[in-house]
Amino acid sequence: MSKIATNTRPNGQNPFAKLIDPIVAENTNITRNQLLQRLKKHEDLSVLDGKILCNDPHDEMSVGSLSQALSRSKARIRKNLKKQ
């Protein structure tokens, strides 16, 4: 097969999901603005011009899409709690 069929992100998670999930696991009722404030304090992230930039593996996400990322993270946390 060609490189088109390969998955560039193992387990389908981007770097932001790996940072957001532990924050949401601590407080499942966290809001988008509270999450944004927590991410601003994180050393591997910077927020510039409405974009959240991840420095370690370079990736970016708009601040507007943070609410969808939060919803996906909450769904993953709920799914993992049901399995236990």
PDB file of N, CA and C in Angstrom:
ATOM      1  N   MET A   1       0.832  -1.184   0.000  1.00  0.00           N
ATOM      2  CA  MET A   1       0.000   0.000   0.000  1.00  0.00           C
ATOM      3  C   MET A   1       0.872   1.242   0.000  1.00  0.00           C
ATOM      4  N   SER A   2       0.285   2.299  -0.383  1.00  0.00           N
ATOM      5  CA  SER A   2       1.015   3.563  -0.421  1.00  0.00           C
ATOM      6  C   SER A   2       0.964   4.246   0.936  1.00  0.00           C
ATOM      7  N   LYS A   3       1.644   5.360   1.029  1.00  0.00           N
ATOM      8  CA  LYS A   3       1.670   6.112   2.276  1.00  0.00           C
ATOM      9  C   LYS A   3       0.324   6.757   2.590  1.00  0.00           C
ATOM     10  N   ILE A   4      -0.551   6.824   1.628  1.00  0.00           N
ATOM     11  CA  ILE A   4      -1.854   7.446   1.836  1.00  0.00           C
ATOM     12  C   ILE A   4      -2.651   6.678   2.892  1.00  0.00           C
ATOM     13  N   ALA A   5      -2.500   5.371   2.925  1.00  0.00           N
ATOM     14  CA  ALA A   5      -3.293   4.546   3.830  1.00  0.00           C
ATOM     15  C   ALA A   5      -2.729   4.475   5.244  1.00  0.00           C
ATOM     16  N   THR A   6      -1.545   5.014   5.465  1.00  0.00           N
ATOM     17  CA  THR A   6      -0.962   4.911   6.802  1.00  0.00           C
ATOM     18  C   THR A   6      -1.561   5.942   7.738  1.00  0.00           C
ATOM     19  N   ASN A   7      -1.613   5.590   9.010  1.00  0.00           N
ATOM     20  CA  ASN A   7      -2.136   6.489  10.038  1.00  0.00           C
ATOM     21  C   ASN A   7      -0.969   7.283  10.602  1.00  0.00           C
ATOM     22  N   THR A   8      -1.000   8.597  10.463  1.00  0.00           N
ATOM     23  CA  THR A   8       0.109   9.415  10.944  1.00  0.00           C
ATOM     24  C   THR A   8       0.052   9.631  12.442  1.00  0.00           C
ATOM     25  N   ARG A   9      -1.102   9.411  13.048  1.00  0.00           N
ATOM     26  CA  ARG A   9      -1.243   9.600  14.494  1.00  0.00           C
ATOM     27  C   ARG A   9      -1.604   8.270  15.138  1.00  0.00           C
ATOM     28  N   PRO A  10      -0.695   7.682  15.902  1.00  0.00           N
ATOM     29  CA  PRO A  10      -1.018   6.404  16.534  1.00  0.00           C
ATOM     30  C   PRO A  10      -2.178   6.559  17.512  1.00  0.00           C
ATOM     31  N   ASN A  11      -3.035   5.579  17.530  1.00  0.00           N
ATOM     32  CA  ASN A  11      -4.243   5.557  18.364  1.00  0.00           C
ATOM     33  C   ASN A  11      -5.213   6.681  18.015  1.00  0.00           C
ATOM     34  N   GLY A  12      -4.990   7.394  16.935  1.00  0.00           N
ATOM     35  CA  GLY A  12      -5.924   8.406  16.467  1.00  0.00           C
ATOM     36  C   GLY A  12      -6.025   9.647  17.335  1.00  0.00           C
ATOM     37  N   GLN A  13      -5.122   9.846  18.277  1.00  0.00           N
ATOM     38  CA  GLN A  13      -5.198  11.019  19.143  1.00  0.00           C
ATOM     39  C   GLN A  13      -4.138  12.031  18.745  1.00  0.00           C
ATOM     40  N   ASN A  14      -4.528  13.282  18.720  1.00  0.00           N
ATOM     41  CA  ASN A  14      -3.560  14.333  18.454  1.00  0.00           C
ATOM     42  C   ASN A  14      -2.915  14.775  19.762  1.00  0.00           C
ATOM     43  N   PRO A  15      -1.879  15.568  19.707  1.00  0.00           N
ATOM     44  CA  PRO A  15      -1.190  15.980  20.939  1.00  0.00           C
ATOM     45  C   PRO A  15      -2.087  16.728  21.914  1.00  0.00           C
ATOM     46  N   PHE A  16      -3.092  17.417  21.403  1.00  0.00           N
ATOM     47  CA  PHE A  16      -3.988  18.160  22.286  1.00  0.00           C
ATOM     48  C   PHE A  16      -4.844  17.219  23.122  1.00  0.00           C
ATOM     49  N   ALA A  17      -5.274  16.113  22.548  1.00  0.00           N
ATOM     50  CA  ALA A  17      -6.082  15.151  23.298  1.00  0.00           C
ATOM     51  C   ALA A  17      -5.288  14.576  24.463  1.00  0.00           C
ATOM     52  N   LYS A  18      -4.008  14.361  24.248  1.00  0.00           N
ATOM     53  CA  LYS A  18      -3.168  13.822  25.320  1.00  0.00           C
ATOM     54  C   LYS A  18      -2.989  14.827  26.449  1.00  0.00           C
ATOM     55  N   LEU A  19      -3.112  16.103  26.170  1.00  0.00           N
ATOM     56  CA  LEU A  19      -3.010  17.133  27.202  1.00  0.00           C
ATOM     57  C   LEU A  19      -4.362  17.439  27.846  1.00  0.00           C
ATOM     58  N   ILE A  20      -5.425  17.368  27.061  1.00  0.00           N
ATOM     59  CA  ILE A  20      -6.752  17.728  27.554  1.00  0.00           C
ATOM     60  C   ILE A  20      -7.351  16.616  28.418  1.00  0.00           C
ATOM     61  N   ASP A  21      -7.142  15.360  28.044  1.00  0.00           N
ATOM     62  CA  ASP A  21      -7.765  14.247  28.766  1.00  0.00           C
ATOM     63  C   ASP A  21      -7.445  14.218  30.259  1.00  0.00           C
ATOM     64  N   PRO A  22      -6.185  14.379  30.688  1.00  0.00           N
ATOM     65  CA  PRO A  22      -5.927  14.372  32.138  1.00  0.00           C
ATOM     66  C   PRO A  22      -6.585  15.543  32.874  1.00  0.00           C
ATOM     67  N   ILE A  23      -6.689  16.685  32.214  1.00  0.00           N
ATOM     68  CA  ILE A  23      -7.337  17.843  32.838  1.00  0.00           C
ATOM     69  C   ILE A  23      -8.823  17.559  33.027  1.00  0.00           C
ATOM     70  N   VAL A  24      -9.448  16.971  32.018  1.00  0.00           N
ATOM     71  CA  VAL A  24     -10.873  16.660  32.093  1.00  0.00           C
ATOM     72  C   VAL A  24     -11.122  15.526  33.087  1.00  0.00           C
ATOM     73  N   ALA A  25     -10.182  14.588  33.198  1.00  0.00           N
ATOM     74  CA  ALA A  25     -10.347  13.490  34.157  1.00  0.00           C
ATOM     75  C   ALA A  25     -10.373  14.017  35.592  1.00  0.00           C
ATOM     76  N   GLU A  26      -9.626  15.089  35.862  1.00  0.00           N
ATOM     77  CA  GLU A  26      -9.640  15.705  37.195  1.00  0.00           C
ATOM     78  C   GLU A  26     -10.983  16.363  37.490  1.00  0.00           C
ATOM     79  N   ASN A  27     -11.526  17.061  36.494  1.00  0.00           N
ATOM     80  CA  ASN A  27     -12.769  17.815  36.677  1.00  0.00           C
ATOM     81  C   ASN A  27     -13.633  17.616  35.435  1.00  0.00           C
ATOM     82  N   THR A  28     -14.598  16.712  35.522  1.00  0.00           N
ATOM     83  CA  THR A  28     -15.428  16.419  34.347  1.00  0.00           C
ATOM     84  C   THR A  28     -16.436  17.519  34.041  1.00  0.00           C
ATOM     85  N   ASN A  29     -16.623  18.455  34.958  1.00  0.00           N
ATOM     86  CA  ASN A  29     -17.555  19.567  34.727  1.00  0.00           C
ATOM     87  C   ASN A  29     -16.837  20.836  34.289  1.00  0.00           C
ATOM     88  N   ILE A  30     -15.624  20.724  33.807  1.00  0.00           N
ATOM     89  CA  ILE A  30     -14.836  21.889  33.406  1.00  0.00           C
ATOM     90  C   ILE A  30     -15.474  22.543  32.177  1.00  0.00           C
ATOM     91  N   THR A  31     -15.414  23.852  32.117  1.00  0.00           N
ATOM     92  CA  THR A  31     -15.957  24.590  30.970  1.00  0.00           C
ATOM     93  C   THR A  31     -14.837  24.886  29.972  1.00  0.00           C
ATOM     94  N   ARG A  32     -15.235  25.370  28.799  1.00  0.00           N
ATOM     95  CA  ARG A  32     -14.253  25.690  27.765  1.00  0.00           C
ATOM     96  C   ARG A  32     -13.299  26.774  28.229  1.00  0.00           C
ATOM     97  N   ASN A  33     -13.808  27.810  28.882  1.00  0.00           N
ATOM     98  CA  ASN A  33     -12.952  28.907  29.331  1.00  0.00           C
ATOM     99  C   ASN A  33     -11.998  28.461  30.435  1.00  0.00           C
ATOM    100  N   GLN A  34     -12.479  27.614  31.346  1.00  0.00           N
ATOM    101  CA  GLN A  34     -11.597  27.087  32.387  1.00  0.00           C
ATOM    102  C   GLN A  34     -10.494  26.233  31.774  1.00  0.00           C
ATOM    103  N   LEU A  35     -10.861  25.427  30.776  1.00  0.00           N
ATOM    104  CA  LEU A  35      -9.868  24.596  30.096  1.00  0.00           C
ATOM    105  C   LEU A  35      -8.847  25.464  29.369  1.00  0.00           C
ATOM    106  N   LEU A  36      -9.302  26.527  28.726  1.00  0.00           N
ATOM    107  CA  LEU A  36      -8.389  27.429  28.027  1.00  0.00           C
ATOM    108  C   LEU A  36      -7.394  28.053  29.001  1.00  0.00           C
ATOM    109  N   GLN A  37      -7.855  28.456  30.173  1.00  0.00           N
ATOM    110  CA  GLN A  37      -6.947  29.032  31.174  1.00  0.00           C
ATOM    111  C   GLN A  37      -5.921  28.005  31.638  1.00  0.00           C
ATOM    112  N   ARG A  38      -6.343  26.751  31.814  1.00  0.00           N
ATOM    113  CA  ARG A  38      -5.405  25.700  32.224  1.00  0.00           C
ATOM    114  C   ARG A  38      -4.379  25.432  31.126  1.00  0.00           C
ATOM    115  N   LEU A  39      -4.824  25.460  29.863  1.00  0.00           N
ATOM    116  CA  LEU A  39      -3.901  25.212  28.755  1.00  0.00           C
ATOM    117  C   LEU A  39      -2.909  26.358  28.585  1.00  0.00           C
ATOM    118  N   LYS A  40      -3.334  27.585  28.889  1.00  0.00           N
ATOM    119  CA  LYS A  40      -2.420  28.730  28.793  1.00  0.00           C
ATOM    120  C   LYS A  40      -1.270  28.595  29.778  1.00  0.00           C
ATOM    121  N   LYS A  41      -1.514  27.933  30.904  1.00  0.00           N
ATOM    122  CA  LYS A  41      -0.475  27.748  31.916  1.00  0.00           C
ATOM    123  C   LYS A  41       0.470  26.595  31.578  1.00  0.00           C
ATOM    124  N   HIS A  42       0.104  25.770  30.611  1.00  0.00           N
ATOM    125  CA  HIS A  42       0.916  24.600  30.266  1.00  0.00           C
ATOM    126  C   HIS A  42       2.180  25.037  29.539  1.00  0.00           C
ATOM    127  N   GLU A  43       3.299  24.415  29.874  1.00  0.00           N
ATOM    128  CA  GLU A  43       4.595  24.846  29.338  1.00  0.00           C
ATOM    129  C   GLU A  43       4.810  24.478  27.873  1.00  0.00           C
ATOM    130  N   ASP A  44       4.152  23.425  27.369  1.00  0.00           N
ATOM    131  CA  ASP A  44       4.347  23.009  25.982  1.00  0.00           C
ATOM    132  C   ASP A  44       3.399  23.699  25.008  1.00  0.00           C
ATOM    133  N   LEU A  45       2.533  24.569  25.509  1.00  0.00           N
ATOM    134  CA  LEU A  45       1.548  25.229  24.657  1.00  0.00           C
ATOM    135  C   LEU A  45       1.700  26.734  24.714  1.00  0.00           C
ATOM    136  N   SER A  46       1.304  27.381  23.635  1.00  0.00           N
ATOM    137  CA  SER A  46       1.224  28.839  23.627  1.00  0.00           C
ATOM    138  C   SER A  46      -0.030  29.232  22.842  1.00  0.00           C
ATOM    139  N   VAL A  47      -0.654  30.317  23.256  1.00  0.00           N
ATOM    140  CA  VAL A  47      -1.877  30.800  22.618  1.00  0.00           C
ATOM    141  C   VAL A  47      -1.570  32.138  21.966  1.00  0.00           C
ATOM    142  N   LEU A  48      -1.686  32.185  20.638  1.00  0.00           N
ATOM    143  CA  LEU A  48      -1.403  33.396  19.873  1.00  0.00           C
ATOM    144  C   LEU A  48      -2.455  33.576  18.787  1.00  0.00           C
ATOM    145  N   ASP A  49      -3.011  34.760  18.676  1.00  0.00           N
ATOM    146  CA  ASP A  49      -3.937  35.123  17.595  1.00  0.00           C
ATOM    147  C   ASP A  49      -5.072  34.119  17.417  1.00  0.00           C
ATOM    148  N   GLY A  50      -5.655  33.659  18.508  1.00  0.00           N
ATOM    149  CA  GLY A  50      -6.780  32.740  18.416  1.00  0.00           C
ATOM    150  C   GLY A  50      -6.404  31.322  18.065  1.00  0.00           C
ATOM    151  N   LYS A  51      -5.129  30.991  18.134  1.00  0.00           N
ATOM    152  CA  LYS A  51      -4.671  29.632  17.856  1.00  0.00           C
ATOM    153  C   LYS A  51      -3.893  29.108  19.049  1.00  0.00           C
ATOM    154  N   ILE A  52      -4.075  27.840  19.334  1.00  0.00           N
ATOM    155  CA  ILE A  52      -3.317  27.166  20.383  1.00  0.00           C
ATOM    156  C   ILE A  52      -2.237  26.363  19.673  1.00  0.00           C
ATOM    157  N   LEU A  53      -0.990  26.643  19.990  1.00  0.00           N
ATOM    158  CA  LEU A  53       0.138  25.992  19.332  1.00  0.00           C
ATOM    159  C   LEU A  53       0.799  25.013  20.289  1.00  0.00           C
ATOM    160  N   CYS A  54       1.006  23.795  19.815  1.00  0.00           N
ATOM    161  CA  CYS A  54       1.706  22.775  20.588  1.00  0.00           C
ATOM    162  C   CYS A  54       3.141  22.751  20.082  1.00  0.00           C
ATOM    163  N   ASN A  55       4.092  22.853  20.990  1.00  0.00           N
ATOM    164  CA  ASN A  55       5.488  22.993  20.592  1.00  0.00           C
ATOM    165  C   ASN A  55       6.204  21.665  20.398  1.00  0.00           C
ATOM    166  N   ASP A  56       5.922  20.663  21.229  1.00  0.00           N
ATOM    167  CA  ASP A  56       6.697  19.426  21.185  1.00  0.00           C
ATOM    168  C   ASP A  56       6.505  18.697  19.859  1.00  0.00           C
ATOM    169  N   PRO A  57       5.358  18.073  19.558  1.00  0.00           N
ATOM    170  CA  PRO A  57       5.116  17.750  18.154  1.00  0.00           C
ATOM    171  C   PRO A  57       4.336  18.934  17.601  1.00  0.00           C
ATOM    172  N   HIS A  58       4.863  19.618  16.633  1.00  0.00           N
ATOM    173  CA  HIS A  58       4.245  20.867  16.177  1.00  0.00           C
ATOM    174  C   HIS A  58       2.860  20.586  15.611  1.00  0.00           C
ATOM    175  N   ASP A  59       1.877  21.194  16.233  1.00  0.00           N
ATOM    176  CA  ASP A  59       0.490  21.078  15.797  1.00  0.00           C
ATOM    177  C   ASP A  59      -0.239  22.331  16.264  1.00  0.00           C
ATOM    178  N   GLU A  60      -1.326  22.656  15.638  1.00  0.00           N
ATOM    179  CA  GLU A  60      -2.090  23.833  16.058  1.00  0.00           C
ATOM    180  C   GLU A  60      -3.575  23.543  15.993  1.00  0.00           C
ATOM    181  N   MET A  61      -4.318  24.289  16.817  1.00  0.00           N
ATOM    182  CA  MET A  61      -5.762  24.162  16.892  1.00  0.00           C
ATOM    183  C   MET A  61      -6.318  25.545  17.178  1.00  0.00           C
ATOM    184  N   SER A  62      -7.443  25.872  16.583  1.00  0.00           N
ATOM    185  CA  SER A  62      -8.037  27.178  16.857  1.00  0.00           C
ATOM    186  C   SER A  62      -8.744  27.142  18.210  1.00  0.00           C
ATOM    187  N   VAL A  63      -8.838  28.299  18.835  1.00  0.00           N
ATOM    188  CA  VAL A  63      -9.502  28.395  20.137  1.00  0.00           C
ATOM    189  C   VAL A  63     -10.981  28.034  19.986  1.00  0.00           C
ATOM    190  N   GLY A  64     -11.559  28.341  18.843  1.00  0.00           N
ATOM    191  CA  GLY A  64     -12.965  28.022  18.603  1.00  0.00           C
ATOM    192  C   GLY A  64     -13.251  26.533  18.586  1.00  0.00           C
ATOM    193  N   SER A  65     -12.289  25.727  18.181  1.00  0.00           N
ATOM    194  CA  SER A  65     -12.510  24.280  18.137  1.00  0.00           C
ATOM    195  C   SER A  65     -12.208  23.607  19.469  1.00  0.00           C
ATOM    196  N   LEU A  66     -11.866  24.399  20.472  1.00  0.00           N
ATOM    197  CA  LEU A  66     -11.577  23.842  21.793  1.00  0.00           C
ATOM    198  C   LEU A  66     -12.826  23.219  22.415  1.00  0.00           C
ATOM    199  N   SER A  67     -13.991  23.774  22.138  1.00  0.00           N
ATOM    200  CA  SER A  67     -15.221  23.212  22.716  1.00  0.00           C
ATOM    201  C   SER A  67     -15.505  21.813  22.163  1.00  0.00           C
ATOM    202  N   GLN A  68     -15.227  21.585  20.872  1.00  0.00           N
ATOM    203  CA  GLN A  68     -15.409  20.244  20.313  1.00  0.00           C
ATOM    204  C   GLN A  68     -14.396  19.266  20.896  1.00  0.00           C
ATOM    205  N   ALA A  69     -13.158  19.723  21.081  1.00  0.00           N
ATOM    206  CA  ALA A  69     -12.134  18.866  21.685  1.00  0.00           C
ATOM    207  C   ALA A  69     -12.511  18.511  23.119  1.00  0.00           C
ATOM    208  N   LEU A  70     -13.092  19.464  23.830  1.00  0.00           N
ATOM    209  CA  LEU A  70     -13.544  19.216  25.200  1.00  0.00           C
ATOM    210  C   LEU A  70     -14.678  18.186  25.208  1.00  0.00           C
ATOM    211  N   SER A  71     -15.610  18.300  24.278  1.00  0.00           N
ATOM    212  CA  SER A  71     -16.714  17.336  24.192  1.00  0.00           C
ATOM    213  C   SER A  71     -16.203  15.936  23.895  1.00  0.00           C
ATOM    214  N   ARG A  72     -15.256  15.819  22.966  1.00  0.00           N
ATOM    215  CA  ARG A  72     -14.687  14.508  22.644  1.00  0.00           C
ATOM    216  C   ARG A  72     -13.953  13.922  23.839  1.00  0.00           C
ATOM    217  N   SER A  73     -13.250  14.760  24.566  1.00  0.00           N
ATOM    218  CA  SER A  73     -12.516  14.297  25.736  1.00  0.00           C
ATOM    219  C   SER A  73     -13.471  13.811  26.822  1.00  0.00           C
ATOM    220  N   LYS A  74     -14.543  14.556  27.062  1.00  0.00           N
ATOM    221  CA  LYS A  74     -15.531  14.134  28.058  1.00  0.00           C
ATOM    222  C   LYS A  74     -16.165  12.805  27.654  1.00  0.00           C
ATOM    223  N   ALA A  75     -16.418  12.615  26.359  1.00  0.00           N
ATOM    224  CA  ALA A  75     -16.993  11.355  25.885  1.00  0.00           C
ATOM    225  C   ALA A  75     -16.021  10.199  26.103  1.00  0.00           C
ATOM    226  N   ARG A  76     -14.724  10.428  25.844  1.00  0.00           N
ATOM    227  CA  ARG A  76     -13.724   9.379  26.083  1.00  0.00           C
ATOM    228  C   ARG A  76     -13.654   9.016  27.561  1.00  0.00           C
ATOM    229  N   ILE A  77     -13.709  10.022  28.429  1.00  0.00           N
ATOM    230  CA  ILE A  77     -13.646   9.782  29.872  1.00  0.00           C
ATOM    231  C   ILE A  77     -14.869   8.974  30.320  1.00  0.00           C
ATOM    232  N   ARG A  78     -16.069   9.355  29.845  1.00  0.00           N
ATOM    233  CA  ARG A  78     -17.283   8.616  30.204  1.00  0.00           C
ATOM    234  C   ARG A  78     -17.220   7.176  29.709  1.00  0.00           C
ATOM    235  N   LYS A  79     -16.707   6.986  28.498  1.00  0.00           N
ATOM    236  CA  LYS A  79     -16.597   5.644  27.927  1.00  0.00           C
ATOM    237  C   LYS A  79     -15.646   4.786  28.755  1.00  0.00           C
ATOM    238  N   ASN A  80     -14.530   5.363  29.177  1.00  0.00           N
ATOM    239  CA  ASN A  80     -13.574   4.613  29.990  1.00  0.00           C
ATOM    240  C   ASN A  80     -14.145   4.288  31.367  1.00  0.00           C
ATOM    241  N   LEU A  81     -14.952   5.181  31.924  1.00  0.00           N
ATOM    242  CA  LEU A  81     -15.569   4.913  33.224  1.00  0.00           C
ATOM    243  C   LEU A  81     -16.600   3.791  33.134  1.00  0.00           C
ATOM    244  N   LYS A  82     -17.312   3.700  32.002  1.00  0.00           N
ATOM    245  CA  LYS A  82     -18.291   2.629  31.825  1.00  0.00           C
ATOM    246  C   LYS A  82     -17.614   1.266  31.727  1.00  0.00           C
ATOM    247  N   LYS A  83     -16.422   1.222  31.134  1.00  0.00           N
ATOM    248  CA  LYS A  83     -15.698  -0.044  30.992  1.00  0.00           C
ATOM    249  C   LYS A  83     -15.255  -0.590  32.341  1.00  0.00           C
ATOM    250  N   GLN A  84     -15.020   0.289  33.297  1.00  0.00           N
ATOM    251  CA  GLN A  84     -14.511  -0.157  34.598  1.00  0.00           C
ATOM    252  C   GLN A  84     -15.576  -0.644  35.487  1.00  0.00           C
TER     253      GLN A  84
END
